[in-house]
């Protein structure tokens, strides 16, 4: 599915994200995504 996704495509996606959310909100957005992934992994570990 993402096999042909290269550097130019990733840069375009990053540019669009910056346009939508603004450069000032990106660090907070990244922190929120990171903590969500961490909580999900901990939840999966607890479920086993």
N, C-alpha and C. Protein backbone atom coordinates (compact mmCIF):
# COMPACT_ATOMS: atom_id res chain seq x y z
N UNK A 1 0.82 -1.19 0.00
CA UNK A 1 0.00 0.00 0.00
C UNK A 1 0.87 1.26 0.00
N UNK A 2 1.85 1.33 0.91
CA UNK A 2 2.73 2.48 0.99
C UNK A 2 4.10 2.18 0.39
N UNK A 3 4.21 1.18 -0.45
CA UNK A 3 5.49 0.78 -1.00
C UNK A 3 6.13 1.83 -1.87
N UNK A 4 5.32 2.62 -2.57
CA UNK A 4 5.89 3.62 -3.47
C UNK A 4 5.94 5.01 -2.86
N UNK A 5 5.82 5.10 -1.56
CA UNK A 5 5.85 6.39 -0.87
C UNK A 5 7.30 6.77 -0.61
N UNK A 6 7.79 7.78 -1.33
CA UNK A 6 9.18 8.18 -1.22
C UNK A 6 9.34 9.50 -0.50
N UNK A 7 10.55 10.03 -0.53
CA UNK A 7 10.87 11.28 0.14
C UNK A 7 10.06 12.47 -0.40
N UNK A 8 9.92 12.63 -1.70
CA UNK A 8 9.12 13.78 -2.18
C UNK A 8 7.67 13.74 -1.69
N UNK A 9 7.09 12.55 -1.66
CA UNK A 9 5.71 12.43 -1.20
C UNK A 9 5.60 12.75 0.28
N UNK A 10 6.58 12.28 1.07
CA UNK A 10 6.57 12.56 2.51
C UNK A 10 6.72 14.05 2.78
N UNK A 11 7.55 14.73 2.00
CA UNK A 11 7.72 16.18 2.17
C UNK A 11 6.43 16.92 1.84
N UNK A 12 5.72 16.47 0.82
CA UNK A 12 4.44 17.10 0.46
C UNK A 12 3.43 16.90 1.58
N UNK A 13 3.39 15.69 2.15
CA UNK A 13 2.47 15.42 3.25
C UNK A 13 2.82 16.29 4.46
N UNK A 14 4.10 16.41 4.78
CA UNK A 14 4.53 17.25 5.89
C UNK A 14 4.14 18.71 5.66
N UNK A 15 4.31 19.19 4.45
CA UNK A 15 3.94 20.56 4.10
C UNK A 15 2.44 20.80 4.31
N UNK A 16 1.63 19.84 3.89
CA UNK A 16 0.18 19.96 4.05
C UNK A 16 -0.20 19.97 5.53
N UNK A 17 0.46 19.12 6.32
CA UNK A 17 0.18 19.08 7.76
C UNK A 17 0.54 20.41 8.41
N UNK A 18 1.66 20.99 8.02
CA UNK A 18 2.06 22.29 8.56
C UNK A 18 1.06 23.36 8.16
N UNK A 19 0.55 23.30 6.95
CA UNK A 19 -0.45 24.28 6.52
C UNK A 19 -1.74 24.14 7.32
N UNK A 20 -2.15 22.91 7.59
CA UNK A 20 -3.41 22.69 8.29
C UNK A 20 -3.31 23.06 9.77
N UNK A 21 -2.27 22.57 10.45
CA UNK A 21 -2.19 22.74 11.89
C UNK A 21 -1.35 23.94 12.31
N UNK A 22 -0.49 24.42 11.46
CA UNK A 22 0.38 25.53 11.83
C UNK A 22 1.63 25.03 12.52
N UNK A 23 2.73 25.72 12.31
CA UNK A 23 4.02 25.27 12.84
C UNK A 23 4.05 25.33 14.37
N UNK A 24 3.29 26.21 14.98
CA UNK A 24 3.32 26.35 16.43
C UNK A 24 2.62 25.18 17.13
N UNK A 25 1.66 24.55 16.49
CA UNK A 25 0.90 23.47 17.12
C UNK A 25 1.50 22.10 16.87
N UNK A 26 2.47 21.98 15.98
CA UNK A 26 3.04 20.67 15.65
C UNK A 26 3.71 19.96 16.83
N UNK A 27 4.50 20.62 17.66
CA UNK A 27 5.11 19.89 18.79
C UNK A 27 4.07 19.30 19.74
N UNK A 28 3.03 20.04 20.03
CA UNK A 28 1.97 19.52 20.90
C UNK A 28 1.24 18.36 20.25
N UNK A 29 1.01 18.46 18.95
CA UNK A 29 0.36 17.37 18.22
C UNK A 29 1.23 16.12 18.24
N UNK A 30 2.52 16.28 18.03
CA UNK A 30 3.44 15.14 18.06
C UNK A 30 3.49 14.50 19.45
N UNK A 31 3.49 15.33 20.49
CA UNK A 31 3.47 14.80 21.87
C UNK A 31 2.20 14.01 22.12
N UNK A 32 1.08 14.51 21.66
CA UNK A 32 -0.19 13.82 21.85
C UNK A 32 -0.23 12.49 21.14
N UNK A 33 0.28 12.46 19.92
CA UNK A 33 0.32 11.20 19.17
C UNK A 33 1.27 10.22 19.84
N UNK A 34 2.42 10.70 20.29
CA UNK A 34 3.38 9.82 20.96
C UNK A 34 2.83 9.23 22.24
N UNK A 35 2.15 10.03 23.04
CA UNK A 35 1.58 9.50 24.28
C UNK A 35 0.43 8.55 23.99
N UNK A 36 -0.31 8.79 22.93
CA UNK A 36 -1.39 7.87 22.55
C UNK A 36 -0.83 6.52 22.15
N UNK A 37 0.24 6.51 21.37
CA UNK A 37 0.88 5.26 20.96
C UNK A 37 1.44 4.53 22.18
N UNK A 38 2.05 5.27 23.08
CA UNK A 38 2.61 4.66 24.30
C UNK A 38 1.50 4.02 25.13
N UNK A 39 0.41 4.74 25.33
CA UNK A 39 -0.71 4.19 26.10
C UNK A 39 -1.32 2.98 25.41
N UNK A 40 -1.40 3.00 24.11
CA UNK A 40 -1.93 1.86 23.37
C UNK A 40 -1.05 0.64 23.55
N UNK A 41 0.27 0.81 23.45
CA UNK A 41 1.19 -0.31 23.63
C UNK A 41 1.11 -0.87 25.05
N UNK A 42 1.02 0.03 26.05
CA UNK A 42 0.90 -0.44 27.43
C UNK A 42 -0.42 -1.19 27.63
N UNK A 43 -1.47 -0.73 27.02
CA UNK A 43 -2.75 -1.41 27.12
C UNK A 43 -2.72 -2.77 26.47
N UNK A 44 -2.03 -2.89 25.35
CA UNK A 44 -1.93 -4.19 24.68
C UNK A 44 -1.10 -5.16 25.53
N UNK A 45 -0.06 -4.64 26.20
CA UNK A 45 0.78 -5.48 27.03
C UNK A 45 0.00 -5.97 28.26
N UNK A 46 -0.83 -5.08 28.84
CA UNK A 46 -1.62 -5.46 30.00
C UNK A 46 -2.69 -6.48 29.64
N UNK A 47 -3.17 -6.44 28.40
CA UNK A 47 -4.23 -7.35 27.97
C UNK A 47 -3.75 -8.78 27.77
N UNK A 48 -2.46 -8.99 27.64
CA UNK A 48 -1.95 -10.35 27.37
C UNK A 48 -1.86 -11.19 28.60
